[in-house]
Amino acid sequence: QVQLVESGGGLVQAGGSLRLSCAASGSIFSMLDMGWYRQAPGKQRELVAHITSIRSTNYADSVKDRFTISRDNAVNTVYLEMNSLKPEDTAVYYCNGRLGWNGYWGQGTQVTVSS
């Protein structure tokens, strides 16, 4: 079983930056494909950024060139560096890990961007 714990959310002004972290328990982290999702009030959860076990990445069009996903397998952690934040980035951000048919979610961390 894998447990994921997000941290790093908070309140920031538009144009600011935040770095989210997601720490994973267990010994299979390096094999997991990892993703950051977000869910704004009244909206569906959406994929923000994804990084595979071999570090291939992809991003939602809305965050390309502003967000960067990375991972450090030595400390079982995936990061989301968020720059040039906009009010529309306000959401609860969730970490997801997947290996085959098994998927794992964190509890989420709130990001609020004020205008």
N, C-alpha and C. Protein backbone atom coordinates (compact mmCIF):
# COMPACT_ATOMS: atom_id res chain seq x y z
N GLN A 1 0.84 -1.19 0.00
CA GLN A 1 0.00 0.00 0.00
C GLN A 1 0.88 1.24 0.00
N VAL A 2 0.46 2.25 -0.75
CA VAL A 2 1.19 3.51 -0.85
C VAL A 2 0.35 4.62 -0.25
N GLN A 3 0.95 5.41 0.61
CA GLN A 3 0.28 6.60 1.12
C GLN A 3 0.98 7.83 0.58
N LEU A 4 0.18 8.80 0.17
CA LEU A 4 0.70 10.04 -0.41
C LEU A 4 0.28 11.21 0.46
N VAL A 5 1.22 12.08 0.77
CA VAL A 5 0.93 13.24 1.61
C VAL A 5 1.44 14.49 0.92
N GLU A 6 0.51 15.38 0.56
CA GLU A 6 0.87 16.64 -0.10
C GLU A 6 1.17 17.73 0.92
N SER A 7 1.97 18.66 0.52
CA SER A 7 2.26 19.84 1.33
C SER A 7 2.68 20.97 0.41
N GLY A 8 2.70 22.18 0.96
CA GLY A 8 3.20 23.32 0.22
C GLY A 8 2.15 24.26 -0.31
N GLY A 9 0.88 23.93 -0.12
CA GLY A 9 -0.16 24.83 -0.58
C GLY A 9 -0.23 26.07 0.29
N GLY A 10 -1.06 27.02 -0.15
CA GLY A 10 -1.22 28.24 0.62
C GLY A 10 -1.84 29.34 -0.19
N LEU A 11 -1.75 30.54 0.34
CA LEU A 11 -2.30 31.74 -0.29
C LEU A 11 -1.16 32.53 -0.91
N VAL A 12 -1.33 32.90 -2.16
CA VAL A 12 -0.29 33.66 -2.85
C VAL A 12 -0.95 34.67 -3.77
N GLN A 13 -0.28 35.77 -4.01
CA GLN A 13 -0.80 36.77 -4.93
C GLN A 13 -0.57 36.35 -6.38
N ALA A 14 -1.40 36.84 -7.25
CA ALA A 14 -1.21 36.57 -8.68
C ALA A 14 0.19 36.99 -9.11
N GLY A 15 0.80 36.12 -9.93
CA GLY A 15 2.17 36.35 -10.35
C GLY A 15 3.20 35.69 -9.46
N GLY A 16 2.76 35.20 -8.32
CA GLY A 16 3.68 34.56 -7.38
C GLY A 16 3.95 33.11 -7.70
N SER A 17 4.67 32.47 -6.80
CA SER A 17 5.10 31.08 -7.00
C SER A 17 4.84 30.25 -5.74
N LEU A 18 4.64 28.97 -5.97
CA LEU A 18 4.55 27.99 -4.89
C LEU A 18 5.19 26.69 -5.37
N ARG A 19 5.68 25.91 -4.43
CA ARG A 19 6.15 24.57 -4.75
C ARG A 19 5.41 23.57 -3.90
N LEU A 20 4.70 22.68 -4.56
CA LEU A 20 4.01 21.60 -3.87
C LEU A 20 4.91 20.38 -3.81
N SER A 21 4.78 19.65 -2.71
CA SER A 21 5.50 18.39 -2.55
C SER A 21 4.51 17.28 -2.24
N CYS A 22 4.84 16.10 -2.68
CA CYS A 22 4.03 14.91 -2.38
C CYS A 22 4.99 13.81 -1.96
N ALA A 23 4.94 13.45 -0.70
CA ALA A 23 5.80 12.41 -0.16
C ALA A 23 5.06 11.09 -0.14
N ALA A 24 5.73 10.05 -0.60
CA ALA A 24 5.12 8.73 -0.70
C ALA A 24 5.77 7.76 0.28
N SER A 25 4.93 6.91 0.85
CA SER A 25 5.46 5.82 1.68
C SER A 25 5.69 4.59 0.82
N GLY A 26 6.36 3.62 1.37
CA GLY A 26 6.54 2.36 0.66
C GLY A 26 7.80 2.33 -0.17
N SER A 27 7.98 1.21 -0.83
CA SER A 27 9.23 0.96 -1.54
C SER A 27 9.09 0.93 -3.06
N ILE A 28 7.90 1.27 -3.56
CA ILE A 28 7.69 1.15 -5.00
C ILE A 28 7.62 2.49 -5.70
N PHE A 29 7.97 3.57 -4.99
CA PHE A 29 7.77 4.91 -5.55
C PHE A 29 8.43 5.05 -6.92
N SER A 30 9.61 4.54 -7.07
CA SER A 30 10.34 4.73 -8.33
C SER A 30 9.62 4.08 -9.51
N MET A 31 8.74 3.15 -9.24
CA MET A 31 8.00 2.48 -10.32
C MET A 31 6.68 3.17 -10.65
N LEU A 32 6.27 4.09 -9.80
CA LEU A 32 4.98 4.75 -9.99
C LEU A 32 5.04 5.84 -11.04
N ASP A 33 4.01 5.92 -11.86
CA ASP A 33 3.76 7.12 -12.64
C ASP A 33 3.03 8.08 -11.71
N MET A 34 3.48 9.32 -11.66
CA MET A 34 2.94 10.28 -10.71
C MET A 34 2.27 11.44 -11.43
N GLY A 35 1.23 11.96 -10.80
CA GLY A 35 0.54 13.09 -11.40
C GLY A 35 0.04 14.06 -10.36
N TRP A 36 -0.11 15.28 -10.77
CA TRP A 36 -0.78 16.32 -9.98
C TRP A 36 -2.09 16.64 -10.68
N TYR A 37 -3.16 16.62 -9.90
CA TYR A 37 -4.48 16.99 -10.36
C TYR A 37 -4.97 18.16 -9.53
N ARG A 38 -5.98 18.84 -10.03
CA ARG A 38 -6.59 19.90 -9.22
C ARG A 38 -8.10 19.90 -9.44
N GLN A 39 -8.77 20.39 -8.42
CA GLN A 39 -10.22 20.50 -8.50
C GLN A 39 -10.65 21.82 -7.89
N ALA A 40 -11.22 22.66 -8.71
CA ALA A 40 -11.77 23.94 -8.27
C ALA A 40 -13.22 23.74 -7.88
N PRO A 41 -13.76 24.62 -7.05
CA PRO A 41 -15.16 24.49 -6.63
C PRO A 41 -16.10 24.43 -7.82
N GLY A 42 -16.97 23.44 -7.82
CA GLY A 42 -17.95 23.32 -8.89
C GLY A 42 -17.42 22.76 -10.19
N LYS A 43 -16.16 22.34 -10.19
CA LYS A 43 -15.55 21.82 -11.42
C LYS A 43 -15.05 20.41 -11.20
N GLN A 44 -14.84 19.72 -12.33
CA GLN A 44 -14.31 18.37 -12.25
C GLN A 44 -12.81 18.40 -11.97
N ARG A 45 -12.34 17.33 -11.38
CA ARG A 45 -10.91 17.19 -11.16
C ARG A 45 -10.21 17.05 -12.51
N GLU A 46 -9.10 17.76 -12.67
CA GLU A 46 -8.39 17.74 -13.94
C GLU A 46 -6.90 17.48 -13.73
N LEU A 47 -6.31 16.84 -14.72
CA LEU A 47 -4.88 16.58 -14.69
C LEU A 47 -4.12 17.87 -14.97
N VAL A 48 -3.16 18.16 -14.13
CA VAL A 48 -2.32 19.34 -14.30
C VAL A 48 -0.98 18.97 -14.92
N ALA A 49 -0.34 17.96 -14.36
CA ALA A 49 0.98 17.55 -14.84
C ALA A 49 1.20 16.09 -14.48
N HIS A 50 2.02 15.43 -15.28
CA HIS A 50 2.25 14.01 -15.11
C HIS A 50 3.71 13.69 -15.39
N ILE A 51 4.26 12.78 -14.59
CA ILE A 51 5.63 12.33 -14.83
C ILE A 51 5.67 10.82 -14.67
N THR A 52 6.23 10.16 -15.65
CA THR A 52 6.28 8.70 -15.60
C THR A 52 7.48 8.23 -14.77
N SER A 53 7.55 6.92 -14.62
CA SER A 53 8.67 6.35 -13.87
C SER A 53 10.00 6.59 -14.57
N ILE A 54 9.95 6.83 -15.88
CA ILE A 54 11.18 7.12 -16.62
C ILE A 54 11.31 8.62 -16.91
N ARG A 55 10.51 9.42 -16.16
CA ARG A 55 10.64 10.88 -16.14
C ARG A 55 10.15 11.56 -17.42
N SER A 56 9.33 10.90 -18.17
CA SER A 56 8.65 11.58 -19.26
C SER A 56 7.54 12.43 -18.66
N THR A 57 7.39 13.66 -19.13
CA THR A 57 6.42 14.58 -18.55
C THR A 57 5.41 15.07 -19.57
N ASN A 58 4.26 15.45 -19.08
CA ASN A 58 3.30 16.17 -19.91
C ASN A 58 2.47 17.08 -19.02
N TYR A 59 1.91 18.12 -19.63
CA TYR A 59 1.23 19.18 -18.89
C TYR A 59 -0.10 19.54 -19.55
N ALA A 60 -1.02 20.01 -18.74
CA ALA A 60 -2.22 20.62 -19.28
C ALA A 60 -1.83 21.90 -20.01
N ASP A 61 -2.54 22.20 -21.08
CA ASP A 61 -2.21 23.40 -21.85
C ASP A 61 -2.25 24.66 -20.98
N SER A 62 -3.14 24.68 -20.01
CA SER A 62 -3.33 25.87 -19.19
C SER A 62 -2.14 26.17 -18.27
N VAL A 63 -1.25 25.19 -18.08
CA VAL A 63 -0.12 25.41 -17.16
C VAL A 63 1.22 25.27 -17.85
N LYS A 64 1.24 24.93 -19.12
CA LYS A 64 2.51 24.79 -19.83
C LYS A 64 3.30 26.08 -19.74
N ASP A 65 4.60 25.93 -19.55
CA ASP A 65 5.54 27.05 -19.45
C ASP A 65 5.43 27.80 -18.13
N ARG A 66 4.52 27.37 -17.25
CA ARG A 66 4.42 28.00 -15.93
C ARG A 66 4.70 27.00 -14.80
N PHE A 67 4.29 25.75 -14.99
CA PHE A 67 4.44 24.71 -13.97
C PHE A 67 5.48 23.69 -14.42
N THR A 68 6.19 23.13 -13.45
CA THR A 68 7.17 22.08 -13.72
C THR A 68 7.00 20.96 -12.72
N ILE A 69 6.85 19.75 -13.22
CA ILE A 69 6.78 18.58 -12.36
C ILE A 69 8.13 17.89 -12.36
N SER A 70 8.51 17.39 -11.20
CA SER A 70 9.78 16.66 -11.09
C SER A 70 9.64 15.64 -9.97
N ARG A 71 10.59 14.73 -9.91
CA ARG A 71 10.57 13.71 -8.88
C ARG A 71 11.97 13.43 -8.38
N ASP A 72 12.05 13.05 -7.12
CA ASP A 72 13.31 12.64 -6.51
C ASP A 72 13.07 11.27 -5.90
N ASN A 73 13.48 10.24 -6.58
CA ASN A 73 13.22 8.88 -6.11
C ASN A 73 14.00 8.56 -4.84
N ALA A 74 15.08 9.30 -4.59
CA ALA A 74 15.88 9.03 -3.38
C ALA A 74 15.10 9.37 -2.11
N VAL A 75 14.15 10.30 -2.23
CA VAL A 75 13.36 10.69 -1.05
C VAL A 75 11.87 10.46 -1.28
N ASN A 76 11.55 9.66 -2.29
CA ASN A 76 10.15 9.27 -2.54
C ASN A 76 9.21 10.47 -2.63
N THR A 77 9.62 11.48 -3.40
CA THR A 77 8.84 12.71 -3.45
C THR A 77 8.70 13.21 -4.89
N VAL A 78 7.51 13.70 -5.18
CA VAL A 78 7.26 14.37 -6.44
C VAL A 78 6.90 15.83 -6.14
N TYR A 79 7.35 16.71 -7.01
CA TYR A 79 7.17 18.15 -6.79
C TYR A 79 6.38 18.77 -7.93
N LEU A 80 5.75 19.88 -7.62
CA LEU A 80 5.13 20.71 -8.65
C LEU A 80 5.53 22.15 -8.38
N GLU A 81 6.41 22.65 -9.22
CA GLU A 81 6.83 24.04 -9.13
C GLU A 81 5.86 24.87 -9.94
N MET A 82 5.23 25.85 -9.30
CA MET A 82 4.20 26.65 -9.95
C MET A 82 4.64 28.11 -9.96
N ASN A 83 4.80 28.67 -11.12
CA ASN A 83 5.20 30.05 -11.29
C ASN A 83 4.13 30.84 -12.03
N SER A 84 4.22 32.15 -11.95
CA SER A 84 3.27 33.04 -12.63
C SER A 84 1.84 32.61 -12.35
N LEU A 85 1.54 32.40 -11.10
CA LEU A 85 0.23 31.89 -10.72
C LEU A 85 -0.86 32.89 -11.04
N LYS A 86 -2.02 32.34 -11.40
CA LYS A 86 -3.18 33.13 -11.77
C LYS A 86 -4.34 32.78 -10.84
N PRO A 87 -5.29 33.69 -10.70
CA PRO A 87 -6.45 33.35 -9.86
C PRO A 87 -7.15 32.07 -10.30
N GLU A 88 -7.14 31.79 -11.58
CA GLU A 88 -7.80 30.57 -12.07
C GLU A 88 -7.04 29.30 -11.71
N ASP A 89 -5.86 29.43 -11.14
CA ASP A 89 -5.14 28.26 -10.63
C ASP A 89 -5.63 27.85 -9.24
N THR A 90 -6.50 28.66 -8.66
CA THR A 90 -7.04 28.34 -7.34
C THR A 90 -7.80 27.03 -7.37
N ALA A 91 -7.41 26.12 -6.48
CA ALA A 91 -8.02 24.78 -6.45
C ALA A 91 -7.39 23.99 -5.31
N VAL A 92 -7.99 22.84 -5.05
CA VAL A 92 -7.32 21.83 -4.22
C VAL A 92 -6.47 20.98 -5.16
N TYR A 93 -5.21 20.84 -4.83
CA TYR A 93 -4.28 20.08 -5.66
C TYR A 93 -4.04 18.71 -5.02
N TYR A 94 -4.19 17.69 -5.84
CA TYR A 94 -4.06 16.31 -5.38
C TYR A 94 -2.90 15.62 -6.08
N CYS A 95 -2.22 14.81 -5.33
CA CYS A 95 -1.15 13.97 -5.85
C CYS A 95 -1.72 12.59 -6.15
N ASN A 96 -1.30 12.02 -7.26
CA ASN A 96 -1.77 10.70 -7.66
C ASN A 96 -0.58 9.84 -8.07
N GLY A 97 -0.63 8.58 -7.65
CA GLY A 97 0.38 7.62 -8.07
C GLY A 97 -0.31 6.42 -8.70
N ARG A 98 0.30 5.88 -9.74
CA ARG A 98 -0.34 4.76 -10.43
C ARG A 98 0.71 3.74 -10.86
N LEU A 99 0.36 2.48 -10.63
CA LEU A 99 1.18 1.38 -11.10
C LEU A 99 0.24 0.28 -11.57
N GLY A 100 0.19 0.09 -12.85
CA GLY A 100 -0.75 -0.88 -13.39
C GLY A 100 -2.18 -0.46 -13.09
N TRP A 101 -2.94 -1.39 -12.50
CA TRP A 101 -4.33 -1.10 -12.18
C TRP A 101 -4.48 -0.38 -10.83
N ASN A 102 -3.42 -0.23 -10.11
CA ASN A 102 -3.50 0.35 -8.77
C ASN A 102 -3.24 1.84 -8.81
N GLY A 103 -4.15 2.59 -8.18
CA GLY A 103 -4.00 4.03 -8.11
C GLY A 103 -4.10 4.50 -6.68
N TYR A 104 -3.38 5.56 -6.36
CA TYR A 104 -3.32 6.09 -5.00
C TYR A 104 -3.48 7.60 -5.05
N TRP A 105 -4.18 8.13 -4.03
CA TRP A 105 -4.45 9.57 -3.96
C TRP A 105 -4.00 10.11 -2.61
N GLY A 106 -3.53 11.33 -2.64
CA GLY A 106 -3.30 12.06 -1.41
C GLY A 106 -4.57 12.76 -0.97
N GLN A 107 -4.46 13.48 0.15
CA GLN A 107 -5.65 14.13 0.72
C GLN A 107 -5.89 15.51 0.13
N GLY A 108 -4.91 16.03 -0.59
CA GLY A 108 -5.06 17.33 -1.24
C GLY A 108 -4.48 18.47 -0.42
N THR A 109 -4.09 19.51 -1.13
CA THR A 109 -3.60 20.73 -0.49
C THR A 109 -4.19 21.93 -1.22
N GLN A 110 -4.66 22.89 -0.47
CA GLN A 110 -5.36 24.04 -1.06
C GLN A 110 -4.35 25.07 -1.57
N VAL A 111 -4.57 25.51 -2.79
CA VAL A 111 -3.83 26.62 -3.37
C VAL A 111 -4.83 27.73 -3.70
N THR A 112 -4.59 28.90 -3.15
CA THR A 112 -5.46 30.04 -3.41
C THR A 112 -4.62 31.18 -3.95
N VAL A 113 -5.00 31.68 -5.12
CA VAL A 113 -4.28 32.77 -5.76
C VAL A 113 -5.19 33.99 -5.78
N SER A 114 -4.75 35.03 -5.12
CA SER A 114 -5.55 36.26 -5.04
C SER A 114 -5.17 37.22 -6.16
N SER A 115 -6.15 37.96 -6.62
CA SER A 115 -5.91 38.90 -7.73
C SER A 115 -5.47 40.27 -7.21
